[in-house]
Amino acid sequence: MASIKPLGQRVLVKRLDAEEVSAGGIVLPDSAQEKPQEAEVVALGTGGKDENGNDIQFSVEAGDKVLISKYGGTDVKVDGADLLIINEGDILGVIAD
């Protein structure tokens, strides 16, 4: 799917759908919905090196469901899909199934 290969310690993710109904049962229009913080990892960057020249390993892999910061990253459109390029540091955690 992804024709973009992130560079460095960046990760390409796809936001998972936001809730369309509030807890009280009210249907929310797109403009009132918050950006979803759950995403799926689509692709990993090329990695990086620490100050000693050792490779830095990613904490996630493609297919992982993750929790991301609300306002981090850069929105991109690839093959009609809305994706987000974020730094690995903007991933707050991996969602366990």
N, C-alpha and C. Protein backbone atom coordinates (compact mmCIF):
# COMPACT_ATOMS: atom_id res chain seq x y z
N MET A 1 0.82 -1.19 0.00
CA MET A 1 0.00 0.00 0.00
C MET A 1 0.87 1.25 0.00
N ALA A 2 1.81 1.34 0.91
CA ALA A 2 2.57 2.58 1.05
C ALA A 2 3.66 2.67 0.00
N SER A 3 3.66 3.75 -0.74
CA SER A 3 4.74 3.99 -1.69
C SER A 3 5.70 5.02 -1.12
N ILE A 4 5.57 5.32 0.17
CA ILE A 4 6.46 6.24 0.86
C ILE A 4 7.27 5.45 1.87
N LYS A 5 8.58 5.61 1.86
CA LYS A 5 9.46 4.99 2.85
C LYS A 5 9.96 6.12 3.75
N PRO A 6 9.50 6.15 5.01
CA PRO A 6 9.97 7.21 5.91
C PRO A 6 11.48 7.11 6.11
N LEU A 7 12.11 8.22 6.40
CA LEU A 7 13.54 8.25 6.66
C LEU A 7 13.82 8.39 8.14
N GLY A 8 14.96 7.92 8.57
CA GLY A 8 15.38 8.07 9.97
C GLY A 8 14.46 7.34 10.92
N GLN A 9 14.23 7.95 12.06
CA GLN A 9 13.41 7.35 13.12
C GLN A 9 11.94 7.72 12.96
N ARG A 10 11.48 7.82 11.73
CA ARG A 10 10.08 8.17 11.47
C ARG A 10 9.28 6.92 11.14
N VAL A 11 7.98 7.01 11.38
CA VAL A 11 7.05 5.90 11.19
C VAL A 11 5.85 6.41 10.41
N LEU A 12 5.39 5.63 9.43
CA LEU A 12 4.20 5.96 8.66
C LEU A 12 3.04 5.20 9.28
N VAL A 13 1.99 5.93 9.69
CA VAL A 13 0.84 5.31 10.35
C VAL A 13 -0.45 5.74 9.67
N LYS A 14 -1.48 4.92 9.86
CA LYS A 14 -2.83 5.25 9.39
C LYS A 14 -3.71 5.36 10.61
N ARG A 15 -4.33 6.53 10.79
CA ARG A 15 -5.23 6.73 11.92
C ARG A 15 -6.42 5.77 11.81
N LEU A 16 -6.83 5.21 12.94
CA LEU A 16 -8.02 4.38 12.97
C LEU A 16 -9.23 5.28 13.11
N ASP A 17 -10.38 4.84 12.65
CA ASP A 17 -11.59 5.67 12.64
C ASP A 17 -11.96 6.19 14.01
N ALA A 18 -12.41 7.44 14.04
CA ALA A 18 -12.85 8.08 15.28
C ALA A 18 -14.27 7.64 15.61
N GLU A 19 -14.62 7.79 16.86
CA GLU A 19 -15.99 7.50 17.29
C GLU A 19 -16.93 8.51 16.63
N GLU A 20 -18.03 8.02 16.07
CA GLU A 20 -19.00 8.90 15.44
C GLU A 20 -20.19 9.21 16.35
N VAL A 21 -20.27 8.52 17.48
CA VAL A 21 -21.36 8.72 18.42
C VAL A 21 -20.76 9.00 19.78
N SER A 22 -21.27 10.05 20.46
CA SER A 22 -20.76 10.39 21.79
C SER A 22 -21.23 9.36 22.81
N ALA A 23 -20.68 9.44 24.02
CA ALA A 23 -21.07 8.51 25.08
C ALA A 23 -22.56 8.64 25.40
N GLY A 24 -23.13 9.82 25.17
CA GLY A 24 -24.54 10.04 25.43
C GLY A 24 -25.45 9.65 24.26
N GLY A 25 -24.85 9.13 23.17
CA GLY A 25 -25.64 8.68 22.04
C GLY A 25 -25.86 9.72 20.97
N ILE A 26 -25.20 10.87 21.06
CA ILE A 26 -25.36 11.94 20.07
C ILE A 26 -24.41 11.67 18.90
N VAL A 27 -24.92 11.72 17.69
CA VAL A 27 -24.11 11.53 16.49
C VAL A 27 -23.30 12.79 16.25
N LEU A 28 -21.98 12.63 16.14
CA LEU A 28 -21.09 13.78 15.97
C LEU A 28 -20.74 13.98 14.50
N PRO A 29 -20.86 15.22 14.00
CA PRO A 29 -20.42 15.50 12.62
C PRO A 29 -18.90 15.47 12.57
N ASP A 30 -18.34 15.30 11.36
CA ASP A 30 -16.88 15.22 11.20
C ASP A 30 -16.16 16.40 11.84
N SER A 31 -16.73 17.60 11.73
CA SER A 31 -16.07 18.79 12.25
C SER A 31 -15.98 18.80 13.78
N ALA A 32 -16.84 18.05 14.45
CA ALA A 32 -16.84 18.03 15.91
C ALA A 32 -16.05 16.86 16.49
N GLN A 33 -15.64 15.93 15.64
CA GLN A 33 -14.90 14.77 16.12
C GLN A 33 -13.45 15.13 16.39
N GLU A 34 -12.90 14.57 17.46
CA GLU A 34 -11.49 14.75 17.74
C GLU A 34 -10.68 13.86 16.82
N LYS A 35 -9.41 14.24 16.58
CA LYS A 35 -8.54 13.38 15.81
C LYS A 35 -8.32 12.10 16.61
N PRO A 36 -8.44 10.95 15.97
CA PRO A 36 -8.22 9.72 16.71
C PRO A 36 -6.76 9.58 17.12
N GLN A 37 -6.53 9.02 18.29
CA GLN A 37 -5.17 8.82 18.77
C GLN A 37 -4.69 7.40 18.52
N GLU A 38 -5.59 6.54 18.05
CA GLU A 38 -5.18 5.18 17.73
C GLU A 38 -4.84 5.11 16.26
N ALA A 39 -3.75 4.38 15.95
CA ALA A 39 -3.30 4.26 14.57
C ALA A 39 -2.67 2.89 14.36
N GLU A 40 -2.53 2.53 13.09
CA GLU A 40 -1.85 1.29 12.73
C GLU A 40 -0.56 1.64 12.00
N VAL A 41 0.53 0.99 12.38
CA VAL A 41 1.82 1.24 11.75
C VAL A 41 1.81 0.62 10.35
N VAL A 42 2.12 1.43 9.34
CA VAL A 42 2.13 0.98 7.95
C VAL A 42 3.55 0.68 7.50
N ALA A 43 4.51 1.55 7.85
CA ALA A 43 5.90 1.37 7.42
C ALA A 43 6.83 2.03 8.42
N LEU A 44 8.04 1.49 8.50
CA LEU A 44 9.08 2.03 9.38
C LEU A 44 10.13 2.76 8.56
N GLY A 45 10.79 3.71 9.18
CA GLY A 45 11.85 4.47 8.53
C GLY A 45 13.12 3.65 8.37
N THR A 46 14.16 4.33 7.96
CA THR A 46 15.44 3.67 7.70
C THR A 46 16.24 3.44 8.98
N GLY A 47 15.79 4.00 10.09
CA GLY A 47 16.49 3.83 11.37
C GLY A 47 17.48 4.94 11.62
N GLY A 48 18.25 4.76 12.64
CA GLY A 48 19.22 5.78 12.99
C GLY A 48 20.38 5.17 13.76
N LYS A 49 21.30 6.01 14.17
CA LYS A 49 22.48 5.60 14.92
C LYS A 49 22.55 6.41 16.21
N ASP A 50 23.02 5.76 17.29
CA ASP A 50 23.22 6.50 18.53
C ASP A 50 24.59 7.17 18.49
N GLU A 51 24.96 7.84 19.59
CA GLU A 51 26.22 8.58 19.62
C GLU A 51 27.45 7.69 19.49
N ASN A 52 27.31 6.38 19.72
CA ASN A 52 28.42 5.43 19.58
C ASN A 52 28.44 4.74 18.22
N GLY A 53 27.50 5.10 17.35
CA GLY A 53 27.44 4.51 16.02
C GLY A 53 26.67 3.20 15.96
N ASN A 54 26.02 2.81 17.05
CA ASN A 54 25.22 1.59 17.07
C ASN A 54 23.84 1.86 16.49
N ASP A 55 23.29 0.85 15.80
CA ASP A 55 21.94 0.98 15.24
C ASP A 55 20.91 1.13 16.35
N ILE A 56 19.93 2.00 16.13
CA ILE A 56 18.81 2.17 17.05
C ILE A 56 17.66 1.31 16.53
N GLN A 57 17.18 0.39 17.34
CA GLN A 57 16.09 -0.50 16.94
C GLN A 57 14.74 0.17 17.18
N PHE A 58 13.80 -0.07 16.26
CA PHE A 58 12.44 0.43 16.44
C PHE A 58 11.73 -0.37 17.52
N SER A 59 10.84 0.28 18.26
CA SER A 59 10.06 -0.37 19.31
C SER A 59 8.76 -0.95 18.76
N VAL A 60 8.43 -0.62 17.51
CA VAL A 60 7.20 -1.08 16.88
C VAL A 60 7.54 -1.74 15.56
N GLU A 61 6.55 -2.42 14.98
CA GLU A 61 6.73 -3.00 13.65
C GLU A 61 5.45 -2.81 12.85
N ALA A 62 5.54 -2.98 11.55
CA ALA A 62 4.38 -2.80 10.68
C ALA A 62 3.24 -3.71 11.14
N GLY A 63 2.03 -3.15 11.20
CA GLY A 63 0.86 -3.90 11.63
C GLY A 63 0.49 -3.66 13.08
N ASP A 64 1.41 -3.11 13.90
CA ASP A 64 1.11 -2.82 15.30
C ASP A 64 0.06 -1.73 15.40
N LYS A 65 -0.84 -1.86 16.37
CA LYS A 65 -1.78 -0.78 16.70
C LYS A 65 -1.15 0.02 17.82
N VAL A 66 -1.08 1.33 17.64
CA VAL A 66 -0.38 2.18 18.58
C VAL A 66 -1.23 3.37 19.00
N LEU A 67 -0.83 3.99 20.09
CA LEU A 67 -1.45 5.21 20.59
C LEU A 67 -0.47 6.34 20.28
N ILE A 68 -0.93 7.36 19.56
CA ILE A 68 -0.05 8.45 19.14
C ILE A 68 -0.49 9.76 19.76
N SER A 69 0.44 10.73 19.80
CA SER A 69 0.08 12.04 20.33
C SER A 69 -0.90 12.70 19.36
N LYS A 70 -1.76 13.56 19.90
CA LYS A 70 -2.84 14.15 19.10
C LYS A 70 -2.36 15.04 17.97
N TYR A 71 -1.36 15.84 18.22
CA TYR A 71 -1.02 16.89 17.26
C TYR A 71 0.35 16.73 16.62
N GLY A 72 0.98 15.57 16.78
CA GLY A 72 2.29 15.35 16.18
C GLY A 72 2.18 14.89 14.74
N GLY A 73 3.27 14.96 14.03
CA GLY A 73 3.35 14.38 12.70
C GLY A 73 2.93 15.28 11.56
N THR A 74 3.08 14.73 10.37
CA THR A 74 2.75 15.44 9.13
C THR A 74 1.76 14.59 8.34
N ASP A 75 0.62 15.17 8.00
CA ASP A 75 -0.39 14.46 7.22
C ASP A 75 0.07 14.34 5.78
N VAL A 76 -0.09 13.15 5.20
CA VAL A 76 0.21 12.90 3.79
C VAL A 76 -0.91 12.06 3.19
N LYS A 77 -1.07 12.15 1.88
CA LYS A 77 -2.07 11.34 1.18
C LYS A 77 -1.30 10.43 0.22
N VAL A 78 -1.51 9.11 0.37
CA VAL A 78 -0.83 8.12 -0.47
C VAL A 78 -1.89 7.20 -1.06
N ASP A 79 -1.95 7.11 -2.38
CA ASP A 79 -2.91 6.24 -3.06
C ASP A 79 -4.33 6.48 -2.55
N GLY A 80 -4.68 7.73 -2.27
CA GLY A 80 -6.01 8.07 -1.80
C GLY A 80 -6.25 7.86 -0.32
N ALA A 81 -5.27 7.33 0.40
CA ALA A 81 -5.42 7.08 1.84
C ALA A 81 -4.75 8.21 2.62
N ASP A 82 -5.40 8.67 3.68
CA ASP A 82 -4.83 9.70 4.55
C ASP A 82 -3.93 9.02 5.56
N LEU A 83 -2.64 9.35 5.52
CA LEU A 83 -1.65 8.77 6.42
C LEU A 83 -0.94 9.87 7.18
N LEU A 84 -0.11 9.47 8.11
CA LEU A 84 0.60 10.42 8.96
C LEU A 84 2.03 9.93 9.14
N ILE A 85 3.01 10.82 8.95
CA ILE A 85 4.40 10.49 9.23
C ILE A 85 4.75 11.13 10.56
N ILE A 86 5.16 10.29 11.53
CA ILE A 86 5.49 10.78 12.87
C ILE A 86 6.87 10.28 13.27
N ASN A 87 7.46 10.96 14.22
CA ASN A 87 8.69 10.47 14.83
C ASN A 87 8.33 9.32 15.76
N GLU A 88 9.21 8.35 15.88
CA GLU A 88 8.91 7.22 16.76
C GLU A 88 8.63 7.72 18.18
N GLY A 89 9.24 8.82 18.58
CA GLY A 89 9.01 9.38 19.91
C GLY A 89 7.60 9.89 20.14
N ASP A 90 6.83 10.11 19.04
CA ASP A 90 5.43 10.54 19.16
C ASP A 90 4.48 9.37 19.39
N ILE A 91 5.03 8.14 19.39
CA ILE A 91 4.22 6.96 19.70
C ILE A 91 4.24 6.81 21.21
N LEU A 92 3.05 6.86 21.81
CA LEU A 92 2.94 6.82 23.26
C LEU A 92 2.92 5.40 23.80
N GLY A 93 2.46 4.45 22.99
CA GLY A 93 2.42 3.07 23.44
C GLY A 93 1.85 2.17 22.37
N VAL A 94 2.05 0.85 22.57
CA VAL A 94 1.51 -0.16 21.67
C VAL A 94 0.25 -0.71 22.34
N ILE A 95 -0.82 -0.83 21.55
CA ILE A 95 -2.09 -1.33 22.09
C ILE A 95 -2.08 -2.86 22.01
N ALA A 96 -2.21 -3.50 23.15
CA ALA A 96 -2.22 -4.96 23.20
C ALA A 96 -3.60 -5.47 22.82
N ASP A 97 -3.64 -6.50 22.01
CA ASP A 97 -4.93 -7.07 21.60
C ASP A 97 -5.44 -8.05 22.63
